[in-house]
Amino acid sequence: MKKIGIADRLLLLGTGVLAAYQVAVGIEGLELLPIICYTVGFGALLVSGLLLMILGFEILGSPITVIVSTLIPLSLSLGLIVEYLPRFTGIYLVFSVAGFLIVAISRYTLHGKGAAMVLAPIHGIAGLLLFGLPIWLVLQGSLASGFVMVGIGGALMGVGGLLLSFLKAGRPILSQTAILSVLPALFFLTTTAFIYGFAQV
């Protein structure tokens, strides 16, 4: 497996700093539940980045890493639902909690393709919401055009997730070295896009 380099660590450190900043500053004018969702999401980004930076790419094979990273799309997409589609809060909250628990359990009870098949639809639904909802809100004129960056962040996260999923399933789109080489940059760009987008609210 590719060893993590200095440039990778710097990008992951930058990711951690940005995520920590967002956790500390928050988003003004929100109610408690979306604040909790966004805080958990950016907190998970912070923890994931730090784990990679300190322990290297080998940590990607750990169940804990997958469980923590699952919180990112689920929490951020739940925050968007609560804030902009509140009538769906109940059903999506159930989906998010159930999805997280299913992923957590599957990491210790299933292996290989079985675990990937459990993870894919949960990440897929959350990722599509995280990508599509901000763009739809901007097109509707509900929010400033800069908010589309949240959707771009969701797309970048989806790319990273797909690359890792196919790699773990034994059908990599790119070589393992190539995937691990771009992963820190994807983390950094994703976090930057999220923070810029949410700042436009």
C-alpha atoms as a PDB file:
ATOM      1  CA  MET A   1       0.000   0.000   0.000  1.00  0.00           C
ATOM      2  CA  LYS A   2       1.161   3.532  -0.805  1.00  0.00           C
ATOM      3  CA  LYS A   3       2.836   5.291   2.093  1.00  0.00           C
ATOM      4  CA  ILE A   4       1.419   8.645   3.072  1.00  0.00           C
ATOM      5  CA  GLY A   5       3.710  11.516   2.098  1.00  0.00           C
ATOM      6  CA  ILE A   6       4.369  15.006   3.400  1.00  0.00           C
ATOM      7  CA  ALA A   7       2.108  16.635   0.798  1.00  0.00           C
ATOM      8  CA  ASP A   8      -0.676  14.206   1.727  1.00  0.00           C
ATOM      9  CA  ARG A   9      -0.296  15.036   5.408  1.00  0.00           C
ATOM     10  CA  LEU A  10      -0.363  18.767   4.693  1.00  0.00           C
ATOM     11  CA  LEU A  11      -3.579  18.426   2.692  1.00  0.00           C
ATOM     12  CA  LEU A  12      -5.146  16.355   5.455  1.00  0.00           C
ATOM     13  CA  LEU A  13      -3.952  18.859   8.051  1.00  0.00           C
ATOM     14  CA  GLY A  14      -5.586  21.603   6.004  1.00  0.00           C
ATOM     15  CA  THR A  15      -8.765  19.542   5.891  1.00  0.00           C
ATOM     16  CA  GLY A  16      -8.683  19.177   9.658  1.00  0.00           C
ATOM     17  CA  VAL A  17      -8.090  22.883  10.219  1.00  0.00           C
ATOM     18  CA  LEU A  18     -10.972  23.843   7.915  1.00  0.00           C
ATOM     19  CA  ALA A  19     -13.331  21.316   9.483  1.00  0.00           C
ATOM     20  CA  ALA A  20     -12.350  22.425  12.985  1.00  0.00           C
ATOM     21  CA  TYR A  21     -12.971  26.038  11.981  1.00  0.00           C
ATOM     22  CA  GLN A  22     -16.455  25.179  10.747  1.00  0.00           C
ATOM     23  CA  VAL A  23     -17.233  23.249  13.925  1.00  0.00           C
ATOM     24  CA  ALA A  24     -16.083  26.196  16.037  1.00  0.00           C
ATOM     25  CA  VAL A  25     -17.769  28.936  14.012  1.00  0.00           C
ATOM     26  CA  GLY A  26     -20.900  27.057  12.993  1.00  0.00           C
ATOM     27  CA  ILE A  27     -23.656  28.483  10.812  1.00  0.00           C
ATOM     28  CA  GLU A  28     -25.556  31.413  12.258  1.00  0.00           C
ATOM     29  CA  GLY A  29     -29.304  31.632  12.579  1.00  0.00           C
ATOM     30  CA  LEU A  30     -30.087  27.916  12.633  1.00  0.00           C
ATOM     31  CA  GLU A  31     -32.211  25.895  15.000  1.00  0.00           C
ATOM     32  CA  LEU A  32     -30.688  23.260  17.248  1.00  0.00           C
ATOM     33  CA  LEU A  33     -31.178  20.120  15.116  1.00  0.00           C
ATOM     34  CA  PRO A  34     -29.495  21.367  11.915  1.00  0.00           C
ATOM     35  CA  ILE A  35     -26.658  22.811  14.012  1.00  0.00           C
ATOM     36  CA  ILE A  36     -26.152  19.376  15.581  1.00  0.00           C
ATOM     37  CA  CYS A  37     -26.235  17.711  12.149  1.00  0.00           C
ATOM     38  CA  TYR A  38     -23.689  20.053  10.599  1.00  0.00           C
ATOM     39  CA  THR A  39     -21.458  19.902  13.671  1.00  0.00           C
ATOM     40  CA  VAL A  40     -21.447  16.094  13.608  1.00  0.00           C
ATOM     41  CA  GLY A  41     -20.745  16.096   9.864  1.00  0.00           C
ATOM     42  CA  PHE A  42     -17.795  18.474  10.043  1.00  0.00           C
ATOM     43  CA  GLY A  43     -16.602  16.805  13.230  1.00  0.00           C
ATOM     44  CA  ALA A  44     -16.515  13.483  11.384  1.00  0.00           C
ATOM     45  CA  LEU A  45     -14.562  15.152   8.569  1.00  0.00           C
ATOM     46  CA  LEU A  46     -12.089  16.417  11.150  1.00  0.00           C
ATOM     47  CA  VAL A  47     -11.681  12.998  12.779  1.00  0.00           C
ATOM     48  CA  SER A  48     -11.376  11.195   9.422  1.00  0.00           C
ATOM     49  CA  GLY A  49      -8.711  13.599   8.219  1.00  0.00           C
ATOM     50  CA  LEU A  50      -6.737  13.309  11.441  1.00  0.00           C
ATOM     51  CA  LEU A  51      -6.911   9.506  11.411  1.00  0.00           C
ATOM     52  CA  LEU A  52      -5.535   9.416   7.878  1.00  0.00           C
ATOM     53  CA  MET A  53      -2.876  12.012   8.621  1.00  0.00           C
ATOM     54  CA  ILE A  54      -1.599  10.277  11.751  1.00  0.00           C
ATOM     55  CA  LEU A  55      -2.071   6.592  10.927  1.00  0.00           C
ATOM     56  CA  GLY A  56      -1.665   6.624   7.158  1.00  0.00           C
ATOM     57  CA  PHE A  57      -3.681   4.983   4.399  1.00  0.00           C
ATOM     58  CA  GLU A  58      -3.641   1.641   6.215  1.00  0.00           C
ATOM     59  CA  ILE A  59      -6.412   2.997   8.455  1.00  0.00           C
ATOM     60  CA  LEU A  60      -8.793   2.910   5.473  1.00  0.00           C
ATOM     61  CA  GLY A  61      -9.153  -0.818   6.069  1.00  0.00           C
ATOM     62  CA  SER A  62     -10.362  -0.278   9.631  1.00  0.00           C
ATOM     63  CA  PRO A  63     -14.094  -0.596  10.383  1.00  0.00           C
ATOM     64  CA  ILE A  64     -13.877   2.497  12.583  1.00  0.00           C
ATOM     65  CA  THR A  65     -12.818   4.638   9.631  1.00  0.00           C
ATOM     66  CA  VAL A  66     -15.794   3.522   7.547  1.00  0.00           C
ATOM     67  CA  ILE A  67     -18.183   4.065  10.450  1.00  0.00           C
ATOM     68  CA  VAL A  68     -16.882   7.567  11.159  1.00  0.00           C
ATOM     69  CA  SER A  69     -16.877   8.528   7.483  1.00  0.00           C
ATOM     70  CA  THR A  70     -20.489   7.357   7.142  1.00  0.00           C
ATOM     71  CA  LEU A  71     -21.480  10.136   9.525  1.00  0.00           C
ATOM     72  CA  ILE A  72     -20.318  12.784   7.047  1.00  0.00           C
ATOM     73  CA  PRO A  73     -22.880  12.399   4.230  1.00  0.00           C
ATOM     74  CA  LEU A  74     -25.652  11.234   6.556  1.00  0.00           C
ATOM     75  CA  SER A  75     -25.277  14.152   8.976  1.00  0.00           C
ATOM     76  CA  LEU A  76     -24.796  16.870   6.371  1.00  0.00           C
ATOM     77  CA  SER A  77     -27.679  15.652   4.205  1.00  0.00           C
ATOM     78  CA  LEU A  78     -29.904  15.372   7.284  1.00  0.00           C
ATOM     79  CA  GLY A  79     -29.044  18.962   8.158  1.00  0.00           C
ATOM     80  CA  LEU A  80     -30.126  20.053   4.681  1.00  0.00           C
ATOM     81  CA  ILE A  81     -33.382  18.108   4.939  1.00  0.00           C
ATOM     82  CA  VAL A  82     -34.195  19.573   8.359  1.00  0.00           C
ATOM     83  CA  GLU A  83     -33.443  23.076   7.164  1.00  0.00           C
ATOM     84  CA  TYR A  84     -34.942  23.115   3.680  1.00  0.00           C
ATOM     85  CA  LEU A  85     -37.370  20.167   3.465  1.00  0.00           C
ATOM     86  CA  PRO A  86     -38.614  19.986   7.060  1.00  0.00           C
ATOM     87  CA  ARG A  87     -41.673  17.893   6.210  1.00  0.00           C
ATOM     88  CA  PHE A  88     -39.328  14.993   5.438  1.00  0.00           C
ATOM     89  CA  THR A  89     -37.320  15.354   8.654  1.00  0.00           C
ATOM     90  CA  GLY A  90     -38.937  12.435  10.467  1.00  0.00           C
ATOM     91  CA  ILE A  91     -38.533   9.836   7.737  1.00  0.00           C
ATOM     92  CA  TYR A  92     -35.012  10.932   6.828  1.00  0.00           C
ATOM     93  CA  LEU A  93     -33.953  11.006  10.467  1.00  0.00           C
ATOM     94  CA  VAL A  94     -35.095   7.391  10.774  1.00  0.00           C
ATOM     95  CA  PHE A  95     -33.219   6.513   7.574  1.00  0.00           C
ATOM     96  CA  SER A  96     -30.046   8.231   8.798  1.00  0.00           C
ATOM     97  CA  VAL A  97     -30.018   6.601  12.224  1.00  0.00           C
ATOM     98  CA  ALA A  98     -30.960   3.180  10.846  1.00  0.00           C
ATOM     99  CA  GLY A  99     -28.449   3.500   8.012  1.00  0.00           C
ATOM    100  CA  PHE A 100     -25.654   4.415  10.377  1.00  0.00           C
ATOM    101  CA  LEU A 101     -26.429   1.489  12.686  1.00  0.00           C
ATOM    102  CA  ILE A 102     -26.654  -0.937   9.757  1.00  0.00           C
ATOM    103  CA  VAL A 103     -23.278   0.202   8.425  1.00  0.00           C
ATOM    104  CA  ALA A 104     -21.721  -0.008  11.893  1.00  0.00           C
ATOM    105  CA  ILE A 105     -23.006  -3.548  12.452  1.00  0.00           C
ATOM    106  CA  SER A 106     -22.118  -4.714   8.943  1.00  0.00           C
ATOM    107  CA  ARG A 107     -18.504  -3.636   9.381  1.00  0.00           C
ATOM    108  CA  TYR A 108     -18.106  -6.360  12.016  1.00  0.00           C
ATOM    109  CA  THR A 109     -20.441  -9.015  10.628  1.00  0.00           C
ATOM    110  CA  LEU A 110     -19.861  -8.852   6.864  1.00  0.00           C
ATOM    111  CA  HIS A 111     -16.728  -8.691   4.772  1.00  0.00           C
ATOM    112  CA  GLY A 112     -15.696  -7.768   1.254  1.00  0.00           C
ATOM    113  CA  LYS A 113     -18.519  -7.374  -1.245  1.00  0.00           C
ATOM    114  CA  GLY A 114     -21.212  -8.002   1.363  1.00  0.00           C
ATOM    115  CA  ALA A 115     -20.128  -5.040   3.449  1.00  0.00           C
ATOM    116  CA  ALA A 116     -19.750  -2.895   0.323  1.00  0.00           C
ATOM    117  CA  MET A 117     -23.286  -3.758  -0.817  1.00  0.00           C
ATOM    118  CA  VAL A 118     -24.661  -2.568   2.518  1.00  0.00           C
ATOM    119  CA  LEU A 119     -22.639   0.628   2.440  1.00  0.00           C
ATOM    120  CA  ALA A 120     -23.288   1.642  -1.174  1.00  0.00           C
ATOM    121  CA  PRO A 121     -27.048   2.401  -1.096  1.00  0.00           C
ATOM    122  CA  ILE A 122     -26.844   4.277   2.210  1.00  0.00           C
ATOM    123  CA  HIS A 123     -23.946   6.416   1.055  1.00  0.00           C
ATOM    124  CA  GLY A 124     -25.578   6.721  -2.356  1.00  0.00           C
ATOM    125  CA  ILE A 125     -28.867   8.155  -1.099  1.00  0.00           C
ATOM    126  CA  ALA A 126     -27.161  10.563   1.294  1.00  0.00           C
ATOM    127  CA  GLY A 127     -24.659  11.576  -1.368  1.00  0.00           C
ATOM    128  CA  LEU A 128     -27.316  12.233  -3.999  1.00  0.00           C
ATOM    129  CA  LEU A 129     -29.207  14.464  -1.584  1.00  0.00           C
ATOM    130  CA  LEU A 130     -26.040  16.275  -0.619  1.00  0.00           C
ATOM    131  CA  PHE A 131     -25.251  16.828  -4.294  1.00  0.00           C
ATOM    132  CA  GLY A 132     -28.687  17.493  -5.731  1.00  0.00           C
ATOM    133  CA  LEU A 133     -30.575  19.429  -3.060  1.00  0.00           C
ATOM    134  CA  PRO A 134     -28.242  22.470  -2.936  1.00  0.00           C
ATOM    135  CA  ILE A 135     -28.278  22.729  -6.729  1.00  0.00           C
ATOM    136  CA  TRP A 136     -32.081  22.457  -6.805  1.00  0.00           C
ATOM    137  CA  LEU A 137     -32.417  25.150  -4.127  1.00  0.00           C
ATOM    138  CA  VAL A 138     -30.169  27.491  -6.100  1.00  0.00           C
ATOM    139  CA  LEU A 139     -32.055  26.846  -9.347  1.00  0.00           C
ATOM    140  CA  GLN A 140     -35.317  27.569  -7.516  1.00  0.00           C
ATOM    141  CA  GLY A 141     -33.902  30.925  -6.454  1.00  0.00           C
ATOM    142  CA  SER A 142     -34.206  30.030  -2.776  1.00  0.00           C
ATOM    143  CA  LEU A 143     -30.513  30.557  -2.050  1.00  0.00           C
ATOM    144  CA  ALA A 144     -27.525  32.441  -3.415  1.00  0.00           C
ATOM    145  CA  SER A 145     -25.679  30.841  -6.309  1.00  0.00           C
ATOM    146  CA  GLY A 146     -22.623  30.225  -4.127  1.00  0.00           C
ATOM    147  CA  PHE A 147     -24.571  27.601  -2.189  1.00  0.00           C
ATOM    148  CA  VAL A 148     -24.120  25.308  -5.191  1.00  0.00           C
ATOM    149  CA  MET A 149     -20.627  24.679  -3.790  1.00  0.00           C
ATOM    150  CA  VAL A 150     -22.226  22.466  -1.151  1.00  0.00           C
ATOM    151  CA  GLY A 151     -23.473  20.283  -3.988  1.00  0.00           C
ATOM    152  CA  ILE A 152     -20.036  20.300  -5.590  1.00  0.00           C
ATOM    153  CA  GLY A 153     -18.586  19.221  -2.254  1.00  0.00           C
ATOM    154  CA  GLY A 154     -21.104  16.393  -2.214  1.00  0.00           C
ATOM    155  CA  ALA A 155     -20.070  15.386  -5.732  1.00  0.00           C
ATOM    156  CA  LEU A 156     -16.382  15.350  -4.790  1.00  0.00           C
ATOM    157  CA  MET A 157     -17.179  13.254  -1.741  1.00  0.00           C
ATOM    158  CA  GLY A 158     -19.126  10.883  -3.959  1.00  0.00           C
ATOM    159  CA  VAL A 159     -16.164  10.509  -6.307  1.00  0.00           C
ATOM    160  CA  GLY A 160     -13.906   9.611  -3.397  1.00  0.00           C
ATOM    161  CA  GLY A 161     -16.457   7.171  -2.042  1.00  0.00           C
ATOM    162  CA  LEU A 162     -16.893   5.465  -5.415  1.00  0.00           C
ATOM    163  CA  LEU A 163     -13.149   5.108  -5.910  1.00  0.00           C
ATOM    164  CA  LEU A 164     -12.735   3.499  -2.492  1.00  0.00           C
ATOM    165  CA  SER A 165     -15.822   1.297  -2.875  1.00  0.00           C
ATOM    166  CA  PHE A 166     -14.684  -0.172  -6.187  1.00  0.00           C
ATOM    167  CA  LEU A 167     -11.190  -0.611  -4.785  1.00  0.00           C
ATOM    168  CA  LYS A 168     -12.478  -2.574  -1.789  1.00  0.00           C
ATOM    169  CA  ALA A 169     -14.793  -4.607  -4.011  1.00  0.00           C
ATOM    170  CA  GLY A 170     -11.786  -5.737  -6.040  1.00  0.00           C
ATOM    171  CA  ARG A 171     -12.783  -3.817  -9.171  1.00  0.00           C
ATOM    172  CA  PRO A 172     -10.844  -0.563  -8.920  1.00  0.00           C
ATOM    173  CA  ILE A 173     -11.533   2.185 -11.447  1.00  0.00           C
ATOM    174  CA  LEU A 174      -7.952   3.382 -10.992  1.00  0.00           C
ATOM    175  CA  SER A 175      -4.919   1.717  -9.483  1.00  0.00           C
ATOM    176  CA  GLN A 176      -4.675   1.679  -5.699  1.00  0.00           C
ATOM    177  CA  THR A 177      -1.699   4.035  -5.856  1.00  0.00           C
ATOM    178  CA  ALA A 178      -3.590   6.523  -8.022  1.00  0.00           C
ATOM    179  CA  ILE A 179      -6.647   6.447  -5.760  1.00  0.00           C
ATOM    180  CA  LEU A 180      -4.624   6.982  -2.603  1.00  0.00           C
ATOM    181  CA  SER A 181      -2.659   9.744  -4.308  1.00  0.00           C
ATOM    182  CA  VAL A 182      -5.777  11.817  -5.050  1.00  0.00           C
ATOM    183  CA  LEU A 183      -7.649  11.039  -1.828  1.00  0.00           C
ATOM    184  CA  PRO A 184      -6.079  13.755   0.398  1.00  0.00           C
ATOM    185  CA  ALA A 185      -6.723  16.391  -2.275  1.00  0.00           C
ATOM    186  CA  LEU A 186     -10.343  15.221  -2.560  1.00  0.00           C
ATOM    187  CA  PHE A 187     -10.723  15.519   1.215  1.00  0.00           C
ATOM    188  CA  PHE A 188      -9.344  19.050   1.157  1.00  0.00           C
ATOM    189  CA  LEU A 189     -11.371  20.214  -1.850  1.00  0.00           C
ATOM    190  CA  THR A 190     -14.556  18.658  -0.475  1.00  0.00           C
ATOM    191  CA  THR A 191     -14.180  20.435   2.857  1.00  0.00           C
ATOM    192  CA  THR A 192     -13.321  23.730   1.164  1.00  0.00           C
ATOM    193  CA  ALA A 193     -16.386  23.501  -1.076  1.00  0.00           C
ATOM    194  CA  PHE A 194     -18.664  22.720   1.869  1.00  0.00           C
ATOM    195  CA  ILE A 195     -17.385  25.609   3.964  1.00  0.00           C
ATOM    196  CA  TYR A 196     -17.599  28.097   1.112  1.00  0.00           C
ATOM    197  CA  GLY A 197     -21.093  26.940   0.198  1.00  0.00           C
ATOM    198  CA  PHE A 198     -22.479  27.086   3.718  1.00  0.00           C
ATOM    199  CA  ALA A 199     -20.946  30.543   4.152  1.00  0.00           C
ATOM    200  CA  GLN A 200     -23.279  31.797   1.413  1.00  0.00           C
ATOM    201  CA  VAL A 201     -26.408  31.125   3.469  1.00  0.00           C
END
